[in-house]
Amino acid sequence: MKNNNATILIVDDVPKNIQILGNILSPHHFKIAYAQSGEQALKAIEYNNFDLILLDIMMPGMDGFEVCEVLKNQNKTREIPIIFLTAKADMESIVRGFEVGGEDYITKPFNAAELLARVETHLLLHEQKKSLKILNENLEEKVRERTIELEEAYKRLDNLEKAKTDFLSIISHELRTPLNGLMGLSSLLHQTQLNSEQKEYMQYLNEVADRLTRFSEIALLITHLKVQKYNAELLSTSVKYMLESVVEEFNAKYPDHTHPLQLNDVQDNLMIAAAPELLTKSLNLLLDNARKYAGPEGKVKLLCDDTKAGWVDILIEDNGPGFRKEALEHVYELFSTGDLSHTEGTGLSLAAIKLIIDVHEGGMLVENINSGGARIKLSFKTTDRQSI
């Protein structure tokens, strides 16, 4: 017997029945206690812990059903398994026993093998219930502890995110302030007499300052998007108007570009749900990169394709060197190694644009063109003014 250290209470008003039960159970080293009435049983249970109760139904005073009801209504004794002892094998007594909370029943005269099997089964179940209860209590405690740890970790993470955002905001501001002064001084110097070598230095200085300015802006934008501080309001936006504005800005920024940027025909009523400021920034970044790697004499194209029902694709193409294979494999990752802007760079621009496209629930594809160069496709669901 696996539960031979269990304590069993036998309740029966007939001494002979108690003796028979004791003779069956004693050889298996159970700890046995006896009671000859319902009242004695309740008193014994009040001062002792029992693992199982063998309870006679027909007794003077409190019968077995009443004793069972009392025990099942008390927290201390509710979980003790009760096996009814009865000379009645009628269905009514059996059903009543289960209704008041009994786990099983054994009919008189007792069959030793059956009695031992039922006793062992219910003792094992009782032990497993206790173990499960302890396990659940321990699990609940661990869950509570883990929840507290996670809440504390979340608070620390939230503080770190805020610190990171504040830090990058400060860095961005502190970079822009001296850079604006630097750009202003550079502009003044351009108006003075400079030799060819000095002009070359000034051009390089302008490029570095512009690169730093873009870096600070992109880093701050990524931080806002990553920590969900930027709540973009999507408005019904005219694709044609937005793209024409981008083309005009590009050509004004690069007047010496050999091939001015042009736009293919776009329908006047083509609309998408967009945050215009974010999307325009994305297109400007992509076009700046395309122009950078195609060179002043390279070709940069801005195309709009609305042939796919319910969607519009905006494509930026250049005839530069294209992306290396390693770059395409990690094109949306922040600070990954390899080139993410054709031949060099941290890839912050593409990472920021991907976050912006995600805000729009759109798609982004970066690929090389078979004939040479690179293509970036941004996809958006079309809409109309009434649906926004």
Foldseek 3Di string as FASTA:
>chain_A
DVPLAFEEEEEALDVVLVVVVCVLNVVSNYHYHYHDDLVRVVVVVVPDPGQEYEAEADHPDDGRLNSLLVQCVDPRRVLRAYEYEEQDPDPVVQVSCVVSPHDYYAYPPGDSVVVVVVVVVSSVVSVVVVVVVVVVVVVVVVVVVVVVVVVVVVVVVVVVLVVVLVVLVVVLVVLVVVLVVVVVVLVVVVPDDDDPVVVVVSVVVVVVSVVSNVVSVLVNLVSCLVVVVDDAFWAKDFPVVLVVVLQVVVCVVLVQQQDREDEDDDDRFWIFGARSVLVSVLVNLVQVLQCVQLDSDWDWYWYWDDPDPQKIKIKIWIQGAFADPVLQVCQQDAQDDADNSRHDDRNSSVVSSVSRLVSQVWDWDWDADPVHTIMIMIMGGTDGNVVD
